[in-house]
């Protein structure tokens, strides 16, 4: 892709720096899984909510998305990695549709008017 002045456009990825994640016990994860009806999308969003300190959730409102976009910054890599690890440990198989659902549910977290903590 080239700009109007002929200079090439370089795709840049803006990612938040790693954060200290809150610990989630196995029992709490099982409770979240039950609460989310054993669906990867809602479960991933719940994991995100319980691992991110509440002040950061509020600060990130309308500023971040799972992988970033033209108008948002991507979640920290360590958070994305931990969510992916939680999904891998919990679900035997995750389809492409499941991954789209995960992205949609996490992105919705940061678009809603109030980030509600469980």
PDB file of N, CA and C in Angstrom:
ATOM      1  N   UNK A   1       0.846  -1.175   0.000  1.00  0.00           N
ATOM      2  CA  UNK A   1       0.000   0.000   0.000  1.00  0.00           C
ATOM      3  C   UNK A   1       0.888   1.234   0.000  1.00  0.00           C
ATOM      4  N   UNK A   2       0.448   2.301  -0.698  1.00  0.00           N
ATOM      5  CA  UNK A   2       1.242   3.514  -0.833  1.00  0.00           C
ATOM      6  C   UNK A   2       0.363   4.707  -0.492  1.00  0.00           C
ATOM      7  N   UNK A   3       0.949   5.702   0.193  1.00  0.00           N
ATOM      8  CA  UNK A   3       0.206   6.915   0.532  1.00  0.00           C
ATOM      9  C   UNK A   3       0.138   7.825  -0.683  1.00  0.00           C
ATOM     10  N   UNK A   4      -0.569   8.963  -0.549  1.00  0.00           N
ATOM     11  CA  UNK A   4      -0.716   9.894  -1.663  1.00  0.00           C
ATOM     12  C   UNK A   4       0.604  10.539  -2.060  1.00  0.00           C
ATOM     13  N   UNK A   5       1.564  10.610  -1.137  1.00  0.00           N
ATOM     14  CA  UNK A   5       2.862  11.195  -1.484  1.00  0.00           C
ATOM     15  C   UNK A   5       3.837  10.138  -1.996  1.00  0.00           C
ATOM     16  N   UNK A   6       3.377   8.914  -2.202  1.00  0.00           N
ATOM     17  CA  UNK A   6       4.208   7.858  -2.752  1.00  0.00           C
ATOM     18  C   UNK A   6       4.998   7.063  -1.739  1.00  0.00           C
ATOM     19  N   UNK A   7       4.923   7.423  -0.467  1.00  0.00           N
ATOM     20  CA  UNK A   7       5.659   6.697   0.575  1.00  0.00           C
ATOM     21  C   UNK A   7       4.902   5.428   0.935  1.00  0.00           C
ATOM     22  N   UNK A   8       5.625   4.336   1.158  1.00  0.00           N
ATOM     23  CA  UNK A   8       4.938   3.090   1.536  1.00  0.00           C
ATOM     24  C   UNK A   8       4.335   3.193   2.935  1.00  0.00           C
ATOM     25  N   UNK A   9       3.205   2.548   3.109  1.00  0.00           N
ATOM     26  CA  UNK A   9       2.551   2.494   4.412  1.00  0.00           C
ATOM     27  C   UNK A   9       3.032   1.239   5.116  1.00  0.00           C
ATOM     28  N   UNK A  10       3.503   1.406   6.330  1.00  0.00           N
ATOM     29  CA  UNK A  10       3.984   0.271   7.108  1.00  0.00           C
ATOM     30  C   UNK A  10       2.944  -0.043   8.169  1.00  0.00           C
ATOM     31  N   UNK A  11       2.479  -1.278   8.184  1.00  0.00           N
ATOM     32  CA  UNK A  11       1.512  -1.692   9.205  1.00  0.00           C
ATOM     33  C   UNK A  11       2.234  -1.813  10.534  1.00  0.00           C
ATOM     34  N   UNK A  12       1.735  -1.114  11.533  1.00  0.00           N
ATOM     35  CA  UNK A  12       2.346  -1.158  12.855  1.00  0.00           C
ATOM     36  C   UNK A  12       1.349  -1.745  13.831  1.00  0.00           C
ATOM     37  N   UNK A  13       1.863  -2.510  14.750  1.00  0.00           N
ATOM     38  CA  UNK A  13       1.009  -3.092  15.775  1.00  0.00           C
ATOM     39  C   UNK A  13       1.307  -2.382  17.083  1.00  0.00           C
ATOM     40  N   UNK A  14       0.287  -1.807  17.678  1.00  0.00           N
ATOM     41  CA  UNK A  14       0.436  -1.152  18.962  1.00  0.00           C
ATOM     42  C   UNK A  14      -0.154  -2.066  20.023  1.00  0.00           C
ATOM     43  N   UNK A  15       0.698  -2.481  20.956  1.00  0.00           N
ATOM     44  CA  UNK A  15       0.313  -3.439  21.986  1.00  0.00           C
ATOM     45  C   UNK A  15       0.635  -2.837  23.342  1.00  0.00           C
ATOM     46  N   UNK A  16      -0.285  -2.962  24.280  1.00  0.00           N
ATOM     47  CA  UNK A  16      -0.011  -2.512  25.642  1.00  0.00           C
ATOM     48  C   UNK A  16       1.108  -3.351  26.242  1.00  0.00           C
ATOM     49  N   UNK A  17       1.869  -2.744  27.133  1.00  0.00           N
ATOM     50  CA  UNK A  17       2.931  -3.482  27.812  1.00  0.00           C
ATOM     51  C   UNK A  17       2.320  -4.526  28.735  1.00  0.00           C
ATOM     52  N   UNK A  18       3.106  -5.570  29.016  1.00  0.00           N
ATOM     53  CA  UNK A  18       2.644  -6.619  29.925  1.00  0.00           C
ATOM     54  C   UNK A  18       2.261  -6.020  31.270  1.00  0.00           C
ATOM     55  N   UNK A  19       1.282  -6.638  31.901  1.00  0.00           N
ATOM     56  CA  UNK A  19       0.799  -6.180  33.207  1.00  0.00           C
ATOM     57  C   UNK A  19       0.917  -7.321  34.211  1.00  0.00           C
ATOM     58  N   UNK A  20       0.755  -6.981  35.477  1.00  0.00           N
ATOM     59  CA  UNK A  20       0.663  -8.012  36.515  1.00  0.00           C
ATOM     60  C   UNK A  20      -0.768  -8.527  36.510  1.00  0.00           C
ATOM     61  N   UNK A  21      -0.914  -9.804  36.225  1.00  0.00           N
ATOM     62  CA  UNK A  21      -2.244 -10.410  36.164  1.00  0.00           C
ATOM     63  C   UNK A  21      -2.654 -10.913  37.540  1.00  0.00           C
ATOM     64  N   UNK A  22      -3.932 -10.780  37.845  1.00  0.00           N
ATOM     65  CA  UNK A  22      -4.458 -11.326  39.092  1.00  0.00           C
ATOM     66  C   UNK A  22      -4.555 -12.838  38.953  1.00  0.00           C
ATOM     67  N   UNK A  23      -4.278 -13.544  40.027  1.00  0.00           N
ATOM     68  CA  UNK A  23      -4.331 -15.010  40.002  1.00  0.00           C
ATOM     69  C   UNK A  23      -5.778 -15.494  40.024  1.00  0.00           C
ATOM     70  N   UNK A  24      -6.006 -16.567  39.290  1.00  0.00           N
ATOM     71  CA  UNK A  24      -7.329 -17.186  39.256  1.00  0.00           C
ATOM     72  C   UNK A  24      -7.142 -18.651  39.622  1.00  0.00           C
ATOM     73  N   UNK A  25      -7.779 -19.073  40.706  1.00  0.00           N
ATOM     74  CA  UNK A  25      -7.639 -20.462  41.151  1.00  0.00           C
ATOM     75  C   UNK A  25      -8.363 -21.402  40.191  1.00  0.00           C
ATOM     76  N   UNK A  26      -7.989 -22.665  40.253  1.00  0.00           N
ATOM     77  CA  UNK A  26      -8.648 -23.671  39.421  1.00  0.00           C
ATOM     78  C   UNK A  26     -10.133 -23.739  39.763  1.00  0.00           C
ATOM     79  N   UNK A  27     -10.460 -23.619  41.041  1.00  0.00           N
ATOM     80  CA  UNK A  27     -11.868 -23.664  41.454  1.00  0.00           C
ATOM     81  C   UNK A  27     -12.637 -22.485  40.864  1.00  0.00           C
ATOM     82  N   UNK A  28     -12.020 -21.311  40.871  1.00  0.00           N
ATOM     83  CA  UNK A  28     -12.674 -20.132  40.303  1.00  0.00           C
ATOM     84  C   UNK A  28     -12.866 -20.303  38.797  1.00  0.00           C
ATOM     85  N   UNK A  29     -11.862 -20.868  38.124  1.00  0.00           N
ATOM     86  CA  UNK A  29     -11.977 -21.105  36.687  1.00  0.00           C
ATOM     87  C   UNK A  29     -13.101 -22.084  36.386  1.00  0.00           C
ATOM     88  N   UNK A  30     -13.238 -23.123  37.213  1.00  0.00           N
ATOM     89  CA  UNK A  30     -14.336 -24.076  37.018  1.00  0.00           C
ATOM     90  C   UNK A  30     -15.682 -23.382  37.182  1.00  0.00           C
ATOM     91  N   UNK A  31     -15.772 -22.494  38.178  1.00  0.00           N
ATOM     92  CA  UNK A  31     -17.004 -21.739  38.385  1.00  0.00           C
ATOM     93  C   UNK A  31     -17.328 -20.844  37.196  1.00  0.00           C
ATOM     94  N   UNK A  32     -16.304 -20.192  36.648  1.00  0.00           N
ATOM     95  CA  UNK A  32     -16.508 -19.347  35.468  1.00  0.00           C
ATOM     96  C   UNK A  32     -16.979 -20.175  34.278  1.00  0.00           C
ATOM     97  N   UNK A  33     -16.379 -21.330  34.117  1.00  0.00           N
ATOM     98  CA  UNK A  33     -16.744 -22.213  33.009  1.00  0.00           C
ATOM     99  C   UNK A  33     -18.212 -22.618  33.105  1.00  0.00           C
ATOM    100  N   UNK A  34     -18.642 -22.972  34.302  1.00  0.00           N
ATOM    101  CA  UNK A  34     -20.039 -23.342  34.529  1.00  0.00           C
ATOM    102  C   UNK A  34     -20.951 -22.142  34.268  1.00  0.00           C
ATOM    103  N   UNK A  35     -20.554 -20.984  34.790  1.00  0.00           N
ATOM    104  CA  UNK A  35     -21.326 -19.752  34.626  1.00  0.00           C
ATOM    105  C   UNK A  35     -21.468 -19.382  33.145  1.00  0.00           C
ATOM    106  N   UNK A  36     -20.452 -19.683  32.351  1.00  0.00           N
ATOM    107  CA  UNK A  36     -20.442 -19.327  30.923  1.00  0.00           C
ATOM    108  C   UNK A  36     -21.008 -20.422  30.033  1.00  0.00           C
ATOM    109  N   UNK A  37     -21.584 -21.433  30.636  1.00  0.00           N
ATOM    110  CA  UNK A  37     -22.217 -22.495  29.864  1.00  0.00           C
ATOM    111  C   UNK A  37     -21.260 -23.301  29.009  1.00  0.00           C
ATOM    112  N   UNK A  38     -20.007 -23.377  29.441  1.00  0.00           N
ATOM    113  CA  UNK A  38     -18.992 -24.167  28.731  1.00  0.00           C
ATOM    114  C   UNK A  38     -18.761 -23.682  27.297  1.00  0.00           C
ATOM    115  N   UNK A  39     -18.898 -22.353  27.074  1.00  0.00           N
ATOM    116  CA  UNK A  39     -18.660 -21.755  25.762  1.00  0.00           C
ATOM    117  C   UNK A  39     -17.362 -20.954  25.804  1.00  0.00           C
ATOM    118  N   UNK A  40     -16.456 -21.160  24.834  1.00  0.00           N
ATOM    119  CA  UNK A  40     -15.152 -20.494  24.857  1.00  0.00           C
ATOM    120  C   UNK A  40     -15.205 -18.964  24.854  1.00  0.00           C
ATOM    121  N   UNK A  41     -16.102 -18.361  24.077  1.00  0.00           N
ATOM    122  CA  UNK A  41     -16.162 -16.897  23.992  1.00  0.00           C
ATOM    123  C   UNK A  41     -16.455 -16.233  25.324  1.00  0.00           C
ATOM    124  N   UNK A  42     -17.589 -16.574  25.936  1.00  0.00           N
ATOM    125  CA  UNK A  42     -17.896 -15.984  27.235  1.00  0.00           C
ATOM    126  C   UNK A  42     -16.854 -16.340  28.299  1.00  0.00           C
ATOM    127  N   UNK A  43     -16.325 -17.560  28.245  1.00  0.00           N
ATOM    128  CA  UNK A  43     -15.317 -17.987  29.220  1.00  0.00           C
ATOM    129  C   UNK A  43     -14.056 -17.136  29.094  1.00  0.00           C
ATOM    130  N   UNK A  44     -13.605 -16.883  27.875  1.00  0.00           N
ATOM    131  CA  UNK A  44     -12.412 -16.056  27.662  1.00  0.00           C
ATOM    132  C   UNK A  44     -12.637 -14.641  28.187  1.00  0.00           C
ATOM    133  N   UNK A  45     -13.828 -14.094  27.954  1.00  0.00           N
ATOM    134  CA  UNK A  45     -14.136 -12.752  28.450  1.00  0.00           C
ATOM    135  C   UNK A  45     -14.144 -12.729  29.972  1.00  0.00           C
ATOM    136  N   UNK A  46     -14.714 -13.762  30.583  1.00  0.00           N
ATOM    137  CA  UNK A  46     -14.722 -13.850  32.049  1.00  0.00           C
ATOM    138  C   UNK A  46     -13.303 -13.953  32.597  1.00  0.00           C
ATOM    139  N   UNK A  47     -12.458 -14.749  31.950  1.00  0.00           N
ATOM    140  CA  UNK A  47     -11.057 -14.845  32.376  1.00  0.00           C
ATOM    141  C   UNK A  47     -10.387 -13.481  32.318  1.00  0.00           C
ATOM    142  N   UNK A  48     -10.645 -12.750  31.260  1.00  0.00           N
ATOM    143  CA  UNK A  48     -10.069 -11.420  31.107  1.00  0.00           C
ATOM    144  C   UNK A  48     -10.501 -10.514  32.261  1.00  0.00           C
ATOM    145  N   UNK A  49     -11.776 -10.533  32.572  1.00  0.00           N
ATOM    146  CA  UNK A  49     -12.306  -9.680  33.638  1.00  0.00           C
ATOM    147  C   UNK A  49     -11.674 -10.000  34.984  1.00  0.00           C
ATOM    148  N   UNK A  50     -11.506 -11.276  35.295  1.00  0.00           N
ATOM    149  CA  UNK A  50     -10.981 -11.624  36.621  1.00  0.00           C
ATOM    150  C   UNK A  50      -9.464 -11.526  36.709  1.00  0.00           C
ATOM    151  N   UNK A  51      -8.755 -11.508  35.585  1.00  0.00           N
ATOM    152  CA  UNK A  51      -7.291 -11.421  35.626  1.00  0.00           C
ATOM    153  C   UNK A  51      -6.768  -9.987  35.571  1.00  0.00           C
ATOM    154  N   UNK A  52      -7.563  -9.066  35.039  1.00  0.00           N
ATOM    155  CA  UNK A  52      -7.120  -7.679  34.897  1.00  0.00           C
ATOM    156  C   UNK A  52      -7.590  -6.873  36.104  1.00  0.00           C
ATOM    157  N   UNK A  53      -6.680  -6.139  36.752  1.00  0.00           N
ATOM    158  CA  UNK A  53      -7.096  -5.299  37.881  1.00  0.00           C
ATOM    159  C   UNK A  53      -8.197  -4.319  37.447  1.00  0.00           C
ATOM    160  N   UNK A  54      -9.221  -4.135  38.291  1.00  0.00           N
ATOM    161  CA  UNK A  54     -10.354  -3.269  37.931  1.00  0.00           C
ATOM    162  C   UNK A  54      -9.975  -1.869  37.442  1.00  0.00           C
ATOM    163  N   UNK A  55      -8.977  -1.195  38.050  1.00  0.00           N
ATOM    164  CA  UNK A  55      -8.643   0.139  37.520  1.00  0.00           C
ATOM    165  C   UNK A  55      -8.183   0.102  36.054  1.00  0.00           C
ATOM    166  N   UNK A  56      -7.476  -0.953  35.671  1.00  0.00           N
ATOM    167  CA  UNK A  56      -7.045  -1.066  34.279  1.00  0.00           C
ATOM    168  C   UNK A  56      -8.221  -1.347  33.361  1.00  0.00           C
ATOM    169  N   UNK A  57      -9.158  -2.182  33.812  1.00  0.00           N
ATOM    170  CA  UNK A  57     -10.349  -2.452  32.994  1.00  0.00           C
ATOM    171  C   UNK A  57     -11.059  -1.137  32.676  1.00  0.00           C
ATOM    172  N   UNK A  58     -11.190  -0.287  33.691  1.00  0.00           N
ATOM    173  CA  UNK A  58     -11.862   0.998  33.485  1.00  0.00           C
ATOM    174  C   UNK A  58     -11.039   1.907  32.565  1.00  0.00           C
ATOM    175  N   UNK A  59      -9.742   1.925  32.757  1.00  0.00           N
ATOM    176  CA  UNK A  59      -8.861   2.768  31.949  1.00  0.00           C
ATOM    177  C   UNK A  59      -8.856   2.334  30.483  1.00  0.00           C
ATOM    178  N   UNK A  60      -8.973   1.054  30.236  1.00  0.00           N
ATOM    179  CA  UNK A  60      -8.915   0.527  28.875  1.00  0.00           C
ATOM    180  C   UNK A  60     -10.232   0.678  28.120  1.00  0.00           C
ATOM    181  N   UNK A  61     -11.295   1.076  28.801  1.00  0.00           N
ATOM    182  CA  UNK A  61     -12.618   1.207  28.188  1.00  0.00           C
ATOM    183  C   UNK A  61     -12.530   2.024  26.896  1.00  0.00           C
ATOM    184  N   UNK A  62     -12.985   1.425  25.805  1.00  0.00           N
ATOM    185  CA  UNK A  62     -13.007   2.046  24.474  1.00  0.00           C
ATOM    186  C   UNK A  62     -11.617   2.367  23.926  1.00  0.00           C
ATOM    187  N   UNK A  63     -10.567   1.839  24.560  1.00  0.00           N
ATOM    188  CA  UNK A  63      -9.201   2.113  24.109  1.00  0.00           C
ATOM    189  C   UNK A  63      -8.496   0.879  23.560  1.00  0.00           C
ATOM    190  N   UNK A  64      -8.969  -0.318  23.945  1.00  0.00           N
ATOM    191  CA  UNK A  64      -8.269  -1.551  23.577  1.00  0.00           C
ATOM    192  C   UNK A  64      -9.224  -2.549  22.926  1.00  0.00           C
ATOM    193  N   UNK A  65      -8.613  -3.521  22.262  1.00  0.00           N
ATOM    194  CA  UNK A  65      -9.339  -4.678  21.738  1.00  0.00           C
ATOM    195  C   UNK A  65      -8.378  -5.855  21.807  1.00  0.00           C
ATOM    196  N   UNK A  66      -8.865  -7.038  21.539  1.00  0.00           N
ATOM    197  CA  UNK A  66      -8.025  -8.228  21.688  1.00  0.00           C
ATOM    198  C   UNK A  66      -6.727  -8.108  20.897  1.00  0.00           C
ATOM    199  N   UNK A  67      -6.832  -7.807  19.620  1.00  0.00           N
ATOM    200  CA  UNK A  67      -5.628  -7.775  18.778  1.00  0.00           C
ATOM    201  C   UNK A  67      -5.291  -6.393  18.245  1.00  0.00           C
ATOM    202  N   UNK A  68      -6.047  -5.383  18.645  1.00  0.00           N
ATOM    203  CA  UNK A  68      -5.791  -4.030  18.171  1.00  0.00           C
ATOM    204  C   UNK A  68      -6.471  -3.769  16.838  1.00  0.00           C
ATOM    205  N   UNK A  69      -6.597  -2.495  16.506  1.00  0.00           N
ATOM    206  CA  UNK A  69      -7.212  -2.079  15.245  1.00  0.00           C
ATOM    207  C   UNK A  69      -6.676  -0.689  14.917  1.00  0.00           C
ATOM    208  N   UNK A  70      -7.285  -0.054  13.924  1.00  0.00           N
ATOM    209  CA  UNK A  70      -6.876   1.308  13.571  1.00  0.00           C
ATOM    210  C   UNK A  70      -7.136   2.278  14.714  1.00  0.00           C
ATOM    211  N   UNK A  71      -8.124   1.989  15.544  1.00  0.00           N
ATOM    212  CA  UNK A  71      -8.489   2.947  16.598  1.00  0.00           C
ATOM    213  C   UNK A  71      -8.281   2.411  18.012  1.00  0.00           C
ATOM    214  N   UNK A  72      -7.824   1.175  18.148  1.00  0.00           N
ATOM    215  CA  UNK A  72      -7.594   0.604  19.478  1.00  0.00           C
ATOM    216  C   UNK A  72      -6.205  -0.018  19.563  1.00  0.00           C
ATOM    217  N   UNK A  73      -5.757  -0.192  20.781  1.00  0.00           N
ATOM    218  CA  UNK A  73      -4.473  -0.827  21.067  1.00  0.00           C
ATOM    219  C   UNK A  73      -4.759  -2.276  21.464  1.00  0.00           C
ATOM    220  N   UNK A  74      -3.854  -3.176  21.126  1.00  0.00           N
ATOM    221  CA  UNK A  74      -4.026  -4.590  21.477  1.00  0.00           C
ATOM    222  C   UNK A  74      -3.783  -4.811  22.965  1.00  0.00           C
ATOM    223  N   UNK A  75      -4.506  -5.772  23.521  1.00  0.00           N
ATOM    224  CA  UNK A  75      -4.275  -6.163  24.913  1.00  0.00           C
ATOM    225  C   UNK A  75      -2.824  -6.607  25.084  1.00  0.00           C
ATOM    226  N   UNK A  76      -2.304  -6.523  26.308  1.00  0.00           N
ATOM    227  CA  UNK A  76      -0.927  -6.973  26.546  1.00  0.00           C
ATOM    228  C   UNK A  76      -0.737  -8.425  26.111  1.00  0.00           C
ATOM    229  N   UNK A  77       0.447  -8.706  25.601  1.00  0.00           N
ATOM    230  CA  UNK A  77       0.735 -10.063  25.117  1.00  0.00           C
ATOM    231  C   UNK A  77       0.592 -11.104  26.222  1.00  0.00           C
ATOM    232  N   UNK A  78       1.034 -10.761  27.446  1.00  0.00           N
ATOM    233  CA  UNK A  78       0.954 -11.766  28.511  1.00  0.00           C
ATOM    234  C   UNK A  78      -0.503 -12.095  28.843  1.00  0.00           C
ATOM    235  N   UNK A  79      -1.398 -11.128  28.721  1.00  0.00           N
ATOM    236  CA  UNK A  79      -2.820 -11.388  28.965  1.00  0.00           C
ATOM    237  C   UNK A  79      -3.394 -12.250  27.843  1.00  0.00           C
ATOM    238  N   UNK A  80      -3.082 -11.912  26.604  1.00  0.00           N
ATOM    239  CA  UNK A  80      -3.569 -12.719  25.477  1.00  0.00           C
ATOM    240  C   UNK A  80      -3.040 -14.151  25.565  1.00  0.00           C
ATOM    241  N   UNK A  81      -1.780 -14.273  25.947  1.00  0.00           N
ATOM    242  CA  UNK A  81      -1.176 -15.606  26.070  1.00  0.00           C
ATOM    243  C   UNK A  81      -1.853 -16.406  27.180  1.00  0.00           C
ATOM    244  N   UNK A  82      -2.137 -15.752  28.304  1.00  0.00           N
ATOM    245  CA  UNK A  82      -2.760 -16.445  29.439  1.00  0.00           C
ATOM    246  C   UNK A  82      -4.193 -16.863  29.113  1.00  0.00           C
ATOM    247  N   UNK A  83      -4.918 -16.020  28.399  1.00  0.00           N
ATOM    248  CA  UNK A  83      -6.277 -16.382  27.983  1.00  0.00           C
ATOM    249  C   UNK A  83      -6.218 -17.584  27.043  1.00  0.00           C
ATOM    250  N   UNK A  84      -5.303 -17.553  26.075  1.00  0.00           N
ATOM    251  CA  UNK A  84      -5.157 -18.674  25.138  1.00  0.00           C
ATOM    252  C   UNK A  84      -4.784 -19.950  25.880  1.00  0.00           C
ATOM    253  N   UNK A  85      -3.909 -19.827  26.862  1.00  0.00           N
ATOM    254  CA  UNK A  85      -3.508 -20.997  27.650  1.00  0.00           C
ATOM    255  C   UNK A  85      -4.706 -21.550  28.419  1.00  0.00           C
ATOM    256  N   UNK A  86      -5.503 -20.660  29.003  1.00  0.00           N
ATOM    257  CA  UNK A  86      -6.692 -21.095  29.729  1.00  0.00           C
ATOM    258  C   UNK A  86      -7.675 -21.821  28.825  1.00  0.00           C
ATOM    259  N   UNK A  87      -7.826 -21.332  27.597  1.00  0.00           N
ATOM    260  CA  UNK A  87      -8.714 -22.000  26.642  1.00  0.00           C
ATOM    261  C   UNK A  87      -8.167 -23.371  26.260  1.00  0.00           C
ATOM    262  N   UNK A  88      -6.859 -23.435  26.000  1.00  0.00           N
ATOM    263  CA  UNK A  88      -6.236 -24.716  25.629  1.00  0.00           C
ATOM    264  C   UNK A  88      -6.345 -25.749  26.745  1.00  0.00           C
ATOM    265  N   UNK A  89      -6.210 -25.295  27.988  1.00  0.00           N
ATOM    266  CA  UNK A  89      -6.289 -26.209  29.133  1.00  0.00           C
ATOM    267  C   UNK A  89      -7.715 -26.672  29.401  1.00  0.00           C
ATOM    268  N   UNK A  90      -8.686 -25.899  28.938  1.00  0.00           N
ATOM    269  CA  UNK A  90     -10.081 -26.153  29.283  1.00  0.00           C
ATOM    270  C   UNK A  90     -10.857 -26.894  28.201  1.00  0.00           C
ATOM    271  N   UNK A  91     -10.581 -26.561  26.944  1.00  0.00           N
ATOM    272  CA  UNK A  91     -11.358 -27.121  25.841  1.00  0.00           C
ATOM    273  C   UNK A  91     -10.503 -28.065  25.011  1.00  0.00           C
ATOM    274  N   UNK A  92     -11.073 -29.226  24.703  1.00  0.00           N
ATOM    275  CA  UNK A  92     -10.369 -30.220  23.894  1.00  0.00           C
ATOM    276  C   UNK A  92     -10.126 -29.722  22.481  1.00  0.00           C
ATOM    277  N   UNK A  93     -11.117 -29.063  21.921  1.00  0.00           N
ATOM    278  CA  UNK A  93     -11.016 -28.567  20.550  1.00  0.00           C
ATOM    279  C   UNK A  93     -11.658 -27.192  20.471  1.00  0.00           C
ATOM    280  N   UNK A  94     -10.985 -26.278  19.790  1.00  0.00           N
ATOM    281  CA  UNK A  94     -11.531 -24.941  19.584  1.00  0.00           C
ATOM    282  C   UNK A  94     -11.524 -24.674  18.081  1.00  0.00           C
ATOM    283  N   UNK A  95     -12.690 -24.367  17.545  1.00  0.00           N
ATOM    284  CA  UNK A  95     -12.835 -24.152  16.103  1.00  0.00           C
ATOM    285  C   UNK A  95     -12.542 -22.692  15.746  1.00  0.00           C
ATOM    286  N   UNK A  96     -12.474 -22.415  14.446  1.00  0.00           N
ATOM    287  CA  UNK A  96     -12.304 -21.032  13.994  1.00  0.00           C
ATOM    288  C   UNK A  96     -13.472 -20.177  14.464  1.00  0.00           C
ATOM    289  N   UNK A  97     -14.662 -20.739  14.424  1.00  0.00           N
ATOM    290  CA  UNK A  97     -15.842 -20.008  14.894  1.00  0.00           C
ATOM    291  C   UNK A  97     -15.707 -19.677  16.377  1.00  0.00           C
ATOM    292  N   UNK A  98     -15.153 -20.611  17.155  1.00  0.00           N
ATOM    293  CA  UNK A  98     -14.924 -20.359  18.577  1.00  0.00           C
ATOM    294  C   UNK A  98     -13.951 -19.197  18.766  1.00  0.00           C
ATOM    295  N   UNK A  99     -12.872 -19.172  17.974  1.00  0.00           N
ATOM    296  CA  UNK A  99     -11.893 -18.090  18.082  1.00  0.00           C
ATOM    297  C   UNK A  99     -12.507 -16.743  17.719  1.00  0.00           C
ATOM    298  N   UNK A 100     -13.375 -16.716  16.710  1.00  0.00           N
ATOM    299  CA  UNK A 100     -14.074 -15.472  16.373  1.00  0.00           C
ATOM    300  C   UNK A 100     -14.970 -15.041  17.528  1.00  0.00           C
ATOM    301  N   UNK A 101     -15.626 -16.019  18.159  1.00  0.00           N
ATOM    302  CA  UNK A 101     -16.494 -15.734  19.299  1.00  0.00           C
ATOM    303  C   UNK A 101     -15.681 -15.198  20.481  1.00  0.00           C
ATOM    304  N   UNK A 102     -14.503 -15.762  20.701  1.00  0.00           N
ATOM    305  CA  UNK A 102     -13.614 -15.277  21.764  1.00  0.00           C
ATOM    306  C   UNK A 102     -13.270 -13.815  21.498  1.00  0.00           C
ATOM    307  N   UNK A 103     -12.838 -13.521  20.279  1.00  0.00           N
ATOM    308  CA  UNK A 103     -12.470 -12.141  19.926  1.00  0.00           C
ATOM    309  C   UNK A 103     -13.652 -11.196  20.135  1.00  0.00           C
ATOM    310  N   UNK A 104     -14.821 -11.611  19.677  1.00  0.00           N
ATOM    311  CA  UNK A 104     -16.009 -10.767  19.798  1.00  0.00           C
ATOM    312  C   UNK A 104     -16.357 -10.500  21.262  1.00  0.00           C
ATOM    313  N   UNK A 105     -16.349 -11.542  22.092  1.00  0.00           N
ATOM    314  CA  UNK A 105     -16.708 -11.368  23.500  1.00  0.00           C
ATOM    315  C   UNK A 105     -15.706 -10.496  24.248  1.00  0.00           C
ATOM    316  N   UNK A 106     -14.429 -10.675  23.969  1.00  0.00           N
ATOM    317  CA  UNK A 106     -13.431  -9.843  24.650  1.00  0.00           C
ATOM    318  C   UNK A 106     -13.539  -8.397  24.180  1.00  0.00           C
ATOM    319  N   UNK A 107     -13.719  -8.184  22.895  1.00  0.00           N
ATOM    320  CA  UNK A 107     -13.848  -6.820  22.393  1.00  0.00           C
ATOM    321  C   UNK A 107     -15.087  -6.129  22.951  1.00  0.00           C
ATOM    322  N   UNK A 108     -16.160  -6.878  23.140  1.00  0.00           N
ATOM    323  CA  UNK A 108     -17.382  -6.310  23.721  1.00  0.00           C
ATOM    324  C   UNK A 108     -17.128  -5.806  25.140  1.00  0.00           C
ATOM    325  N   UNK A 109     -16.259  -6.492  25.874  1.00  0.00           N
ATOM    326  CA  UNK A 109     -15.944  -6.059  27.244  1.00  0.00           C
ATOM    327  C   UNK A 109     -15.534  -4.600  27.305  1.00  0.00           C
ATOM    328  N   UNK A 110     -14.791  -4.168  26.316  1.00  0.00           N
ATOM    329  CA  UNK A 110     -14.231  -2.826  26.354  1.00  0.00           C
ATOM    330  C   UNK A 110     -15.065  -1.802  25.604  1.00  0.00           C
ATOM    331  N   UNK A 111     -16.161  -2.239  24.988  1.00  0.00           N
ATOM    332  CA  UNK A 111     -17.062  -1.316  24.291  1.00  0.00           C
ATOM    333  C   UNK A 111     -18.281  -0.964  25.120  1.00  0.00           C
ATOM    334  N   UNK A 112     -18.593  -1.767  26.136  1.00  0.00           N
ATOM    335  CA  UNK A 112     -19.805  -1.527  26.916  1.00  0.00           C
ATOM    336  C   UNK A 112     -19.618  -0.312  27.823  1.00  0.00           C
ATOM    337  N   UNK A 113     -20.707   0.277  28.250  1.00  0.00           N
ATOM    338  CA  UNK A 113     -20.658   1.507  29.043  1.00  0.00           C
ATOM    339  C   UNK A 113     -20.004   1.321  30.407  1.00  0.00           C
ATOM    340  N   UNK A 114     -20.211   0.187  31.028  1.00  0.00           N
ATOM    341  CA  UNK A 114     -19.619  -0.053  32.346  1.00  0.00           C
ATOM    342  C   UNK A 114     -19.029  -1.445  32.368  1.00  0.00           C
ATOM    343  N   UNK A 115     -17.800  -1.533  32.816  1.00  0.00           N
ATOM    344  CA  UNK A 115     -17.159  -2.843  32.953  1.00  0.00           C
ATOM    345  C   UNK A 115     -17.544  -3.397  34.316  1.00  0.00           C
ATOM    346  N   UNK A 116     -18.334  -4.436  34.329  1.00  0.00           N
ATOM    347  CA  UNK A 116     -18.859  -5.000  35.572  1.00  0.00           C
ATOM    348  C   UNK A 116     -17.951  -6.116  36.048  1.00  0.00           C
ATOM    349  N   UNK A 117     -17.536  -6.039  37.302  1.00  0.00           N
ATOM    350  CA  UNK A 117     -16.724  -7.084  37.913  1.00  0.00           C
ATOM    351  C   UNK A 117     -17.656  -8.109  38.555  1.00  0.00           C
ATOM    352  N   UNK A 118     -17.319  -9.413  38.437  1.00  0.00           N
ATOM    353  CA  UNK A 118     -18.188 -10.419  39.060  1.00  0.00           C
ATOM    354  C   UNK A 118     -18.117 -10.356  40.572  1.00  0.00           C
TER     355      UNK A 118
END
